Every structure is written in structure tokens, then in C-alpha cells.
PDB file of N, CA and C in Angstrom:
ATOM      1  N   MET A   1     -20.683 -31.332 -19.303  1.00  0.00           N
ATOM      2  CA  MET A   1     -20.260 -31.305 -17.826  1.00  0.00           C
ATOM      3  C   MET A   1     -19.076 -30.389 -17.764  1.00  0.00           C
ATOM      4  N   ARG A   2     -18.186 -30.308 -18.607  1.00  0.00           N
ATOM      5  CA  ARG A   2     -17.056 -29.461 -18.532  1.00  0.00           C
ATOM      6  C   ARG A   2     -17.400 -28.026 -18.547  1.00  0.00           C
ATOM      7  N   VAL A   3     -18.520 -27.711 -19.313  1.00  0.00           N
ATOM      8  CA  VAL A   3     -18.806 -26.262 -19.422  1.00  0.00           C
ATOM      9  C   VAL A   3     -19.505 -25.868 -18.045  1.00  0.00           C
ATOM     10  N   VAL A   4     -20.266 -26.717 -17.376  1.00  0.00           N
ATOM     11  CA  VAL A   4     -20.854 -26.363 -16.153  1.00  0.00           C
ATOM     12  C   VAL A   4     -19.716 -26.197 -15.079  1.00  0.00           C
ATOM     13  N   LEU A   5     -18.682 -27.137 -15.106  1.00  0.00           N
ATOM     14  CA  LEU A   5     -17.629 -26.959 -14.172  1.00  0.00           C
ATOM     15  C   LEU A   5     -16.854 -25.650 -14.353  1.00  0.00           C
ATOM     16  N   GLU A   6     -16.639 -25.296 -15.673  1.00  0.00           N
ATOM     17  CA  GLU A   6     -16.012 -24.083 -15.961  1.00  0.00           C
ATOM     18  C   GLU A   6     -16.789 -22.828 -15.467  1.00  0.00           C
ATOM     19  N   LEU A   7     -18.115 -22.848 -15.649  1.00  0.00           N
ATOM     20  CA  LEU A   7     -18.888 -21.786 -15.185  1.00  0.00           C
ATOM     21  C   LEU A   7     -18.864 -21.583 -13.734  1.00  0.00           C
ATOM     22  N   LEU A   8     -18.952 -22.750 -13.005  1.00  0.00           N
ATOM     23  CA  LEU A   8     -18.719 -22.643 -11.501  1.00  0.00           C
ATOM     24  C   LEU A   8     -17.397 -22.114 -11.118  1.00  0.00           C
ATOM     25  N   ARG A   9     -16.383 -22.524 -11.826  1.00  0.00           N
ATOM     26  CA  ARG A   9     -14.944 -22.085 -11.629  1.00  0.00           C
ATOM     27  C   ARG A   9     -14.935 -20.561 -11.808  1.00  0.00           C
ATOM     28  N   ILE A  10     -15.559 -20.081 -12.823  1.00  0.00           N
ATOM     29  CA  ILE A  10     -15.548 -18.642 -13.139  1.00  0.00           C
ATOM     30  C   ILE A  10     -16.227 -17.881 -12.040  1.00  0.00           C
ATOM     31  N   ILE A  11     -17.386 -18.357 -11.610  1.00  0.00           N
ATOM     32  CA  ILE A  11     -18.087 -17.722 -10.474  1.00  0.00           C
ATOM     33  C   ILE A  11     -17.280 -17.706  -9.272  1.00  0.00           C
ATOM     34  N   PHE A  12     -16.672 -18.771  -8.897  1.00  0.00           N
ATOM     35  CA  PHE A  12     -15.812 -18.788  -7.627  1.00  0.00           C
ATOM     36  C   PHE A  12     -14.533 -17.930  -7.805  1.00  0.00           C
ATOM     37  N   ILE A  13     -14.003 -17.854  -9.045  1.00  0.00           N
ATOM     38  CA  ILE A  13     -12.808 -17.037  -9.155  1.00  0.00           C
ATOM     39  C   ILE A  13     -13.209 -15.554  -8.965  1.00  0.00           C
ATOM     40  N   PHE A  14     -14.283 -15.141  -9.701  1.00  0.00           N
ATOM     41  CA  PHE A  14     -14.754 -13.816  -9.558  1.00  0.00           C
ATOM     42  C   PHE A  14     -15.232 -13.393  -8.121  1.00  0.00           C
ATOM     43  N   ALA A  15     -15.908 -14.256  -7.493  1.00  0.00           N
ATOM     44  CA  ALA A  15     -16.363 -14.039  -6.144  1.00  0.00           C
ATOM     45  C   ALA A  15     -15.197 -13.889  -5.187  1.00  0.00           C
ATOM     46  N   ILE A  16     -14.244 -14.714  -5.201  1.00  0.00           N
ATOM     47  CA  ILE A  16     -13.123 -14.655  -4.324  1.00  0.00           C
ATOM     48  C   ILE A  16     -12.220 -13.402  -4.645  1.00  0.00           C
ATOM     49  N   LEU A  17     -11.956 -13.231  -5.864  1.00  0.00           N
ATOM     50  CA  LEU A  17     -11.034 -12.081  -6.231  1.00  0.00           C
ATOM     51  C   LEU A  17     -11.641 -10.796  -6.122  1.00  0.00           C
ATOM     52  N   VAL A  18     -13.011 -10.644  -6.334  1.00  0.00           N
ATOM     53  CA  VAL A  18     -13.731  -9.404  -6.134  1.00  0.00           C
ATOM     54  C   VAL A  18     -13.696  -9.143  -4.523  1.00  0.00           C
ATOM     55  N   THR A  19     -13.921 -10.117  -3.743  1.00  0.00           N
ATOM     56  CA  THR A  19     -13.951  -9.949  -2.308  1.00  0.00           C
ATOM     57  C   THR A  19     -12.626  -9.551  -1.769  1.00  0.00           C
ATOM     58  N   VAL A  20     -11.513 -10.140  -2.237  1.00  0.00           N
ATOM     59  CA  VAL A  20     -10.221  -9.735  -1.757  1.00  0.00           C
ATOM     60  C   VAL A  20      -9.674  -8.488  -2.349  1.00  0.00           C
ATOM     61  N   LEU A  21      -9.735  -8.372  -3.742  1.00  0.00           N
ATOM     62  CA  LEU A  21      -9.258  -7.170  -4.384  1.00  0.00           C
ATOM     63  C   LEU A  21     -10.154  -6.007  -4.179  1.00  0.00           C
ATOM     64  N   GLY A  22     -11.425  -6.195  -4.044  1.00  0.00           N
ATOM     65  CA  GLY A  22     -12.355  -5.025  -3.770  1.00  0.00           C
ATOM     66  C   GLY A  22     -12.286  -4.538  -2.350  1.00  0.00           C
ATOM     67  N   GLY A  23     -11.699  -5.324  -1.464  1.00  0.00           N
ATOM     68  CA  GLY A  23     -11.605  -4.831  -0.064  1.00  0.00           C
ATOM     69  C   GLY A  23     -10.381  -3.935   0.099  1.00  0.00           C
ATOM     70  N   ILE A  24      -9.385  -4.061  -0.742  1.00  0.00           N
ATOM     71  CA  ILE A  24      -8.250  -3.239  -0.644  1.00  0.00           C
ATOM     72  C   ILE A  24      -8.576  -1.800  -0.930  1.00  0.00           C
ATOM     73  N   PRO A  25      -9.192  -1.477  -2.013  1.00  0.00           N
ATOM     74  CA  PRO A  25      -9.470   0.006  -2.247  1.00  0.00           C
ATOM     75  C   PRO A  25     -10.515   0.573  -1.196  1.00  0.00           C
ATOM     76  N   TYR A  26     -11.515  -0.237  -0.715  1.00  0.00           N
ATOM     77  CA  TYR A  26     -12.370   0.189   0.256  1.00  0.00           C
ATOM     78  C   TYR A  26     -11.617   0.505   1.521  1.00  0.00           C
ATOM     79  N   GLY A  27     -10.631  -0.314   1.967  1.00  0.00           N
ATOM     80  CA  GLY A  27      -9.907  -0.038   3.118  1.00  0.00           C
ATOM     81  C   GLY A  27      -9.013   1.227   3.098  1.00  0.00           C
ATOM     82  N   ILE A  28      -8.415   1.325   1.878  1.00  0.00           N
ATOM     83  CA  ILE A  28      -7.566   2.534   1.696  1.00  0.00           C
ATOM     84  C   ILE A  28      -8.428   3.826   1.679  1.00  0.00           C
ATOM     85  N   TYR A  29      -9.585   3.676   0.908  1.00  0.00           N
ATOM     86  CA  TYR A  29     -10.322   4.930   0.791  1.00  0.00           C
ATOM     87  C   TYR A  29     -11.039   5.257   2.190  1.00  0.00           C
ATOM     88  N   SER A  30     -11.488   4.265   2.889  1.00  0.00           N
ATOM     89  CA  SER A  30     -12.118   4.524   4.182  1.00  0.00           C
ATOM     90  C   SER A  30     -11.147   5.108   5.172  1.00  0.00           C
ATOM     91  N   SER A  31      -9.926   4.719   5.134  1.00  0.00           N
ATOM     92  CA  SER A  31      -8.846   5.182   6.086  1.00  0.00           C
ATOM     93  C   SER A  31      -8.522   6.597   5.774  1.00  0.00           C
ATOM     94  N   ILE A  32      -8.589   7.096   4.546  1.00  0.00           N
ATOM     95  CA  ILE A  32      -8.317   8.491   4.297  1.00  0.00           C
ATOM     96  C   ILE A  32      -9.523   9.395   4.195  1.00  0.00           C
ATOM     97  N   GLY A  33     -10.824   8.762   4.573  1.00  0.00           N
ATOM     98  CA  GLY A  33     -11.992   9.586   4.785  1.00  0.00           C
ATOM     99  C   GLY A  33     -12.729   9.772   3.597  1.00  0.00           C
ATOM    100  N   ILE A  34     -12.643   8.942   2.533  1.00  0.00           N
ATOM    101  CA  ILE A  34     -13.454   9.126   1.344  1.00  0.00           C
ATOM    102  C   ILE A  34     -14.734   8.274   1.495  1.00  0.00           C
ATOM    103  N   ASN A  35     -15.874   8.823   1.059  1.00  0.00           N
ATOM    104  CA  ASN A  35     -17.145   8.203   1.172  1.00  0.00           C
ATOM    105  C   ASN A  35     -17.232   7.093   0.174  1.00  0.00           C
ATOM    106  N   THR A  36     -16.960   5.840   0.632  1.00  0.00           N
ATOM    107  CA  THR A  36     -17.067   4.643  -0.225  1.00  0.00           C
ATOM    108  C   THR A  36     -18.455   4.229  -0.669  1.00  0.00           C
ATOM    109  N   ASP A  37     -19.430   4.665   0.167  1.00  0.00           N
ATOM    110  CA  ASP A  37     -20.892   4.328  -0.203  1.00  0.00           C
ATOM    111  C   ASP A  37     -21.292   5.082  -1.385  1.00  0.00           C
ATOM    112  N   LYS A  38     -20.808   6.267  -1.590  1.00  0.00           N
ATOM    113  CA  LYS A  38     -21.104   7.111  -2.661  1.00  0.00           C
ATOM    114  C   LYS A  38     -20.246   6.947  -3.992  1.00  0.00           C
ATOM    115  N   TYR A  39     -19.024   6.738  -3.811  1.00  0.00           N
ATOM    116  CA  TYR A  39     -18.147   6.668  -4.970  1.00  0.00           C
ATOM    117  C   TYR A  39     -17.454   5.306  -5.054  1.00  0.00           C
ATOM    118  N   GLY A  40     -17.631   4.366  -4.238  1.00  0.00           N
ATOM    119  CA  GLY A  40     -16.947   3.168  -4.265  1.00  0.00           C
ATOM    120  C   GLY A  40     -17.327   2.226  -5.488  1.00  0.00           C
ATOM    121  N   TRP A  41     -18.376   2.445  -6.082  1.00  0.00           N
ATOM    122  CA  TRP A  41     -18.827   1.620  -7.244  1.00  0.00           C
ATOM    123  C   TRP A  41     -17.853   1.766  -8.296  1.00  0.00           C
ATOM    124  N   THR A  42     -17.120   2.807  -8.528  1.00  0.00           N
ATOM    125  CA  THR A  42     -16.220   2.974  -9.539  1.00  0.00           C
ATOM    126  C   THR A  42     -15.044   2.033  -9.255  1.00  0.00           C
ATOM    127  N   ALA A  43     -14.519   1.944  -8.039  1.00  0.00           N
ATOM    128  CA  ALA A  43     -13.460   1.093  -7.736  1.00  0.00           C
ATOM    129  C   ALA A  43     -13.825  -0.465  -7.970  1.00  0.00           C
ATOM    130  N   ILE A  44     -15.042  -0.851  -7.592  1.00  0.00           N
ATOM    131  CA  ILE A  44     -15.459  -2.165  -7.769  1.00  0.00           C
ATOM    132  C   ILE A  44     -15.599  -2.464  -9.308  1.00  0.00           C
ATOM    133  N   LEU A  45     -16.038  -1.570 -10.106  1.00  0.00           N
ATOM    134  CA  LEU A  45     -16.082  -1.763 -11.531  1.00  0.00           C
ATOM    135  C   LEU A  45     -14.699  -1.891 -12.082  1.00  0.00           C
ATOM    136  N   GLY A  46     -13.738  -1.096 -11.597  1.00  0.00           N
ATOM    137  CA  GLY A  46     -12.284  -1.257 -11.956  1.00  0.00           C
ATOM    138  C   GLY A  46     -11.790  -2.688 -11.616  1.00  0.00           C
ATOM    139  N   VAL A  47     -12.171  -3.178 -10.419  1.00  0.00           N
ATOM    140  CA  VAL A  47     -11.689  -4.492  -9.977  1.00  0.00           C
ATOM    141  C   VAL A  47     -12.249  -5.548 -10.898  1.00  0.00           C
ATOM    142  N   PHE A  48     -13.585  -5.414 -11.269  1.00  0.00           N
ATOM    143  CA  PHE A  48     -14.178  -6.393 -12.157  1.00  0.00           C
ATOM    144  C   PHE A  48     -13.441  -6.434 -13.503  1.00  0.00           C
ATOM    145  N   ILE A  49     -13.084  -5.228 -14.072  1.00  0.00           N
ATOM    146  CA  ILE A  49     -12.343  -5.190 -15.323  1.00  0.00           C
ATOM    147  C   ILE A  49     -10.961  -5.812 -15.246  1.00  0.00           C
ATOM    148  N   LEU A  50     -10.328  -5.543 -14.067  1.00  0.00           N
ATOM    149  CA  LEU A  50      -8.931  -6.156 -13.868  1.00  0.00           C
ATOM    150  C   LEU A  50      -9.118  -7.615 -13.809  1.00  0.00           C
ATOM    151  N   ILE A  51     -10.125  -8.247 -13.144  1.00  0.00           N
ATOM    152  CA  ILE A  51     -10.262  -9.677 -13.081  1.00  0.00           C
ATOM    153  C   ILE A  51     -10.598 -10.265 -14.420  1.00  0.00           C
ATOM    154  N   PHE A  52     -11.490  -9.535 -15.199  1.00  0.00           N
ATOM    155  CA  PHE A  52     -11.764 -10.083 -16.516  1.00  0.00           C
ATOM    156  C   PHE A  52     -10.524 -10.128 -17.400  1.00  0.00           C
ATOM    157  N   VAL A  53      -9.643  -9.129 -17.388  1.00  0.00           N
ATOM    158  CA  VAL A  53      -8.398  -9.195 -18.098  1.00  0.00           C
ATOM    159  C   VAL A  53      -7.562 -10.358 -17.690  1.00  0.00           C
ATOM    160  N   LEU A  54      -7.416 -10.464 -16.347  1.00  0.00           N
ATOM    161  CA  LEU A  54      -6.685 -11.600 -15.858  1.00  0.00           C
ATOM    162  C   LEU A  54      -7.224 -12.937 -16.223  1.00  0.00           C
ATOM    163  N   TYR A  55      -8.521 -13.011 -16.218  1.00  0.00           N
ATOM    164  CA  TYR A  55      -9.127 -14.421 -16.578  1.00  0.00           C
ATOM    165  C   TYR A  55      -8.915 -14.736 -18.050  1.00  0.00           C
ATOM    166  N   ARG A  56      -9.164 -13.680 -18.861  1.00  0.00           N
ATOM    167  CA  ARG A  56      -9.018 -13.997 -20.351  1.00  0.00           C
ATOM    168  C   ARG A  56      -7.547 -14.170 -20.767  1.00  0.00           C
ATOM    169  N   ASN A  57      -6.637 -13.553 -20.048  1.00  0.00           N
ATOM    170  CA  ASN A  57      -5.259 -13.684 -20.541  1.00  0.00           C
ATOM    171  C   ASN A  57      -4.468 -14.808 -19.734  1.00  0.00           C
ATOM    172  N   LYS A  58      -4.869 -15.246 -18.661  1.00  0.00           N
ATOM    173  CA  LYS A  58      -4.128 -16.272 -17.873  1.00  0.00           C
ATOM    174  C   LYS A  58      -5.016 -17.465 -17.451  1.00  0.00           C
ATOM    175  N   LEU A  59      -6.100 -17.090 -16.591  1.00  0.00           N
ATOM    176  CA  LEU A  59      -6.797 -18.185 -15.940  1.00  0.00           C
ATOM    177  C   LEU A  59      -7.705 -19.067 -16.766  1.00  0.00           C
ATOM    178  N   GLN A  60      -8.089 -18.657 -17.947  1.00  0.00           N
ATOM    179  CA  GLN A  60      -8.981 -19.523 -18.784  1.00  0.00           C
ATOM    180  C   GLN A  60      -8.237 -20.702 -19.422  1.00  0.00           C
ATOM    181  N   PHE A  61      -6.927 -20.647 -19.403  1.00  0.00           N
ATOM    182  CA  PHE A  61      -6.102 -21.776 -19.944  1.00  0.00           C
ATOM    183  C   PHE A  61      -5.812 -22.896 -18.953  1.00  0.00           C
ATOM    184  N   SER A  62      -6.189 -22.682 -17.685  1.00  0.00           N
ATOM    185  CA  SER A  62      -6.047 -23.678 -16.685  1.00  0.00           C
ATOM    186  C   SER A  62      -7.316 -24.305 -16.196  1.00  0.00           C
ATOM    187  N   GLY A  63      -8.315 -24.178 -16.932  1.00  0.00           N
ATOM    188  CA  GLY A  63      -9.671 -24.722 -16.541  1.00  0.00           C
ATOM    189  C   GLY A  63     -10.013 -26.005 -17.209  1.00  0.00           C
ATOM    190  N   TRP A  64     -11.333 -26.298 -17.069  1.00  0.00           N
ATOM    191  CA  TRP A  64     -11.722 -27.595 -17.644  1.00  0.00           C
ATOM    192  C   TRP A  64     -12.225 -27.522 -19.098  1.00  0.00           C
ATOM    193  N   TYR A  65     -12.569 -26.292 -19.545  1.00  0.00           N
ATOM    194  CA  TYR A  65     -13.157 -26.197 -20.901  1.00  0.00           C
ATOM    195  C   TYR A  65     -12.012 -26.152 -21.897  1.00  0.00           C
ATOM    196  N   ILE A  66     -12.212 -26.974 -22.978  1.00  0.00           N
ATOM    197  CA  ILE A  66     -11.142 -27.106 -24.011  1.00  0.00           C
ATOM    198  C   ILE A  66     -11.729 -26.685 -25.354  1.00  0.00           C
ATOM    199  N   GLY A  67     -12.894 -26.103 -25.312  1.00  0.00           N
ATOM    200  CA  GLY A  67     -13.484 -25.816 -26.622  1.00  0.00           C
ATOM    201  C   GLY A  67     -13.096 -24.555 -27.436  1.00  0.00           C
ATOM    202  N   LYS A  68     -13.913 -24.083 -28.275  1.00  0.00           N
ATOM    203  CA  LYS A  68     -13.618 -22.934 -28.974  1.00  0.00           C
ATOM    204  C   LYS A  68     -13.553 -21.620 -28.107  1.00  0.00           C
ATOM    205  N   GLY A  69     -13.012 -20.661 -28.671  1.00  0.00           N
ATOM    206  CA  GLY A  69     -13.014 -19.304 -28.020  1.00  0.00           C
ATOM    207  C   GLY A  69     -11.938 -19.156 -26.840  1.00  0.00           C
ATOM    208  N   ARG A  70     -10.939 -19.964 -26.802  1.00  0.00           N
ATOM    209  CA  ARG A  70      -9.867 -19.913 -25.910  1.00  0.00           C
ATOM    210  C   ARG A  70      -8.735 -19.142 -26.433  1.00  0.00           C
ATOM    211  N   GLU A  71      -8.767 -17.920 -26.443  1.00  0.00           N
ATOM    212  CA  GLU A  71      -7.686 -17.062 -26.915  1.00  0.00           C
ATOM    213  C   GLU A  71      -7.540 -15.780 -26.062  1.00  0.00           C
ATOM    214  N   LYS A  72      -6.321 -15.345 -26.046  1.00  0.00           N
ATOM    215  CA  LYS A  72      -6.024 -14.174 -25.203  1.00  0.00           C
ATOM    216  C   LYS A  72      -6.657 -12.971 -25.892  1.00  0.00           C
ATOM    217  N   LEU A  73      -6.877 -11.945 -25.080  1.00  0.00           N
ATOM    218  CA  LEU A  73      -7.318 -10.649 -25.544  1.00  0.00           C
ATOM    219  C   LEU A  73      -6.236 -10.076 -26.456  1.00  0.00           C
ATOM    220  N   PRO A  74      -6.402  -9.311 -27.394  1.00  0.00           N
ATOM    221  CA  PRO A  74      -5.429  -8.525 -28.205  1.00  0.00           C
ATOM    222  C   PRO A  74      -4.647  -7.643 -27.159  1.00  0.00           C
ATOM    223  N   LYS A  75      -3.429  -7.405 -27.451  1.00  0.00           N
ATOM    224  CA  LYS A  75      -2.662  -6.514 -26.570  1.00  0.00           C
ATOM    225  C   LYS A  75      -3.192  -5.165 -26.410  1.00  0.00           C
ATOM    226  N   GLY A  76      -3.658  -4.562 -27.541  1.00  0.00           N
ATOM    227  CA  GLY A  76      -4.253  -3.247 -27.502  1.00  0.00           C
ATOM    228  C   GLY A  76      -5.532  -3.239 -26.551  1.00  0.00           C
ATOM    229  N   VAL A  77      -6.330  -4.195 -26.682  1.00  0.00           N
ATOM    230  CA  VAL A  77      -7.565  -4.221 -25.863  1.00  0.00           C
ATOM    231  C   VAL A  77      -7.135  -4.446 -24.378  1.00  0.00           C
ATOM    232  N   SER A  78      -6.182  -5.311 -24.107  1.00  0.00           N
ATOM    233  CA  SER A  78      -5.752  -5.557 -22.697  1.00  0.00           C
ATOM    234  C   SER A  78      -5.196  -4.207 -22.110  1.00  0.00           C
ATOM    235  N   LYS A  79      -4.402  -3.447 -22.856  1.00  0.00           N
ATOM    236  CA  LYS A  79      -3.819  -2.282 -22.415  1.00  0.00           C
ATOM    237  C   LYS A  79      -4.891  -1.237 -22.162  1.00  0.00           C
ATOM    238  N   THR A  80      -5.836  -1.146 -23.098  1.00  0.00           N
ATOM    239  CA  THR A  80      -6.950  -0.125 -22.931  1.00  0.00           C
ATOM    240  C   THR A  80      -7.829  -0.512 -21.741  1.00  0.00           C
ATOM    241  N   LEU A  81      -8.143  -1.753 -21.570  1.00  0.00           N
ATOM    242  CA  LEU A  81      -8.964  -2.154 -20.373  1.00  0.00           C
ATOM    243  C   LEU A  81      -8.231  -1.992 -19.085  1.00  0.00           C
ATOM    244  N   LEU A  82      -6.964  -2.228 -19.057  1.00  0.00           N
ATOM    245  CA  LEU A  82      -6.109  -2.000 -17.796  1.00  0.00           C
ATOM    246  C   LEU A  82      -6.046  -0.525 -17.445  1.00  0.00           C
ATOM    247  N   ILE A  83      -5.812   0.358 -18.529  1.00  0.00           N
ATOM    248  CA  ILE A  83      -5.792   1.799 -18.247  1.00  0.00           C
ATOM    249  C   ILE A  83      -7.185   2.283 -17.757  1.00  0.00           C
ATOM    250  N   PHE A  84      -8.265   1.809 -18.288  1.00  0.00           N
ATOM    251  CA  PHE A  84      -9.616   2.191 -17.979  1.00  0.00           C
ATOM    252  C   PHE A  84      -9.853   1.678 -16.518  1.00  0.00           C
ATOM    253  N   ALA A  85      -9.407   0.398 -16.116  1.00  0.00           N
ATOM    254  CA  ALA A  85      -9.587  -0.124 -14.745  1.00  0.00           C
ATOM    255  C   ALA A  85      -8.825   0.777 -13.802  1.00  0.00           C
ATOM    256  N   ILE A  86      -7.597   1.072 -14.022  1.00  0.00           N
ATOM    257  CA  ILE A  86      -6.865   1.872 -13.098  1.00  0.00           C
ATOM    258  C   ILE A  86      -7.404   3.270 -12.946  1.00  0.00           C
ATOM    259  N   THR A  87      -7.858   3.839 -14.102  1.00  0.00           N
ATOM    260  CA  THR A  87      -8.584   5.097 -13.923  1.00  0.00           C
ATOM    261  C   THR A  87      -9.903   5.079 -13.022  1.00  0.00           C
ATOM    262  N   LEU A  88     -10.575   3.930 -13.128  1.00  0.00           N
ATOM    263  CA  LEU A  88     -11.716   3.782 -12.303  1.00  0.00           C
ATOM    264  C   LEU A  88     -11.358   3.580 -10.742  1.00  0.00           C
ATOM    265  N   LEU A  89     -10.286   2.851 -10.604  1.00  0.00           N
ATOM    266  CA  LEU A  89      -9.761   2.624  -9.305  1.00  0.00           C
ATOM    267  C   LEU A  89      -9.400   4.040  -8.613  1.00  0.00           C
ATOM    268  N   LEU A  90      -8.809   4.915  -9.349  1.00  0.00           N
ATOM    269  CA  LEU A  90      -8.449   6.155  -8.894  1.00  0.00           C
ATOM    270  C   LEU A  90      -9.544   7.236  -8.831  1.00  0.00           C
ATOM    271  N   CYS A  91     -10.727   7.007  -9.336  1.00  0.00           N
ATOM    272  CA  CYS A  91     -11.851   7.918  -9.401  1.00  0.00           C
ATOM    273  C   CYS A  91     -12.429   8.224  -8.023  1.00  0.00           C
ATOM    274  N   PRO A  92     -12.654   7.325  -7.132  1.00  0.00           N
ATOM    275  CA  PRO A  92     -13.269   7.721  -5.816  1.00  0.00           C
ATOM    276  C   PRO A  92     -12.574   8.980  -5.112  1.00  0.00           C
ATOM    277  N   PRO A  93     -11.296   9.023  -4.998  1.00  0.00           N
ATOM    278  CA  PRO A  93     -10.735  10.197  -4.261  1.00  0.00           C
ATOM    279  C   PRO A  93     -10.964  11.441  -5.098  1.00  0.00           C
ATOM    280  N   ILE A  94     -10.837  11.350  -6.394  1.00  0.00           N
ATOM    281  CA  ILE A  94     -11.032  12.516  -7.273  1.00  0.00           C
ATOM    282  C   ILE A  94     -12.480  12.944  -7.183  1.00  0.00           C
ATOM    283  N   LEU A  95     -13.476  12.114  -7.307  1.00  0.00           N
ATOM    284  CA  LEU A  95     -14.808  12.549  -7.208  1.00  0.00           C
ATOM    285  C   LEU A  95     -15.151  12.988  -5.870  1.00  0.00           C
ATOM    286  N   HIS A  96     -14.586  12.503  -4.793  1.00  0.00           N
ATOM    287  CA  HIS A  96     -14.855  12.858  -3.356  1.00  0.00           C
ATOM    288  C   HIS A  96     -14.429  14.325  -3.238  1.00  0.00           C
ATOM    289  N   TYR A  97     -13.250  14.621  -3.739  1.00  0.00           N
ATOM    290  CA  TYR A  97     -12.731  16.012  -3.558  1.00  0.00           C
ATOM    291  C   TYR A  97     -13.273  16.979  -4.506  1.00  0.00           C
ATOM    292  N   LEU A  98     -13.848  16.546  -5.653  1.00  0.00           N
ATOM    293  CA  LEU A  98     -14.446  17.438  -6.590  1.00  0.00           C
ATOM    294  C   LEU A  98     -15.846  17.883  -6.055  1.00  0.00           C
ATOM    295  N   PHE A  99     -16.559  16.929  -5.496  1.00  0.00           N
ATOM    296  CA  PHE A  99     -17.955  17.113  -5.149  1.00  0.00           C
ATOM    297  C   PHE A  99     -18.256  17.331  -3.650  1.00  0.00           C
ATOM    298  N   SER A 100     -17.150  17.607  -2.812  1.00  0.00           N
ATOM    299  CA  SER A 100     -17.440  17.752  -1.474  1.00  0.00           C
ATOM    300  C   SER A 100     -16.960  19.149  -1.059  1.00  0.00           C
TER     301      SER A 100
END
């Protein structure tokens, strides 16, 4: 039962955080005239990676699941994923200006 509750918790965390954090880049990019329909997928992918790192390093330790596999990501992996996510978040303006 704890595994099912933890899976539901993960789904709700991702849904809420993607909605909130995904709306920020869309709002910013739309206000400066960047086509979010064409290049916005990179920002959403960056948001998913940010939430994944947040979950693996902080949020998984406050849930219902107490079994195996509860450990933080290695620091090198966390830094690499964060750099990649930030790069993806900055891609829509760069792609817009390169291809327009």
C-alpha cells in the first residue's frame, strides 16, 4: 500500500510542479515574443529534469516509501543534470532567434 501511495504522491508532485514551474518560462517567453508552440518543449523538458533532481535529492525522503533505493543522486550527476536543465530552459530564445 505504501508503494501505491508513494506513486500517487510522485504523480501529484510532478503534475503540480510542472504546472507551476512550466508556466513561468511560457509566460516569460510569450511576453518577449518567442514562439512557445514551436520551441517550448525544451523548457518543459528542463523543468522535468529540475523536478527529478529535486525529488531524488529532497522530496523522496519525506514520503511513505521506506524500502530500498532511497539515496541521493551523486553530486556530479546532480550538477550535470542541473546544467543540462538550465541549458534547456534557455534554449527557446536562442532557437527562436537562430531560426527566425
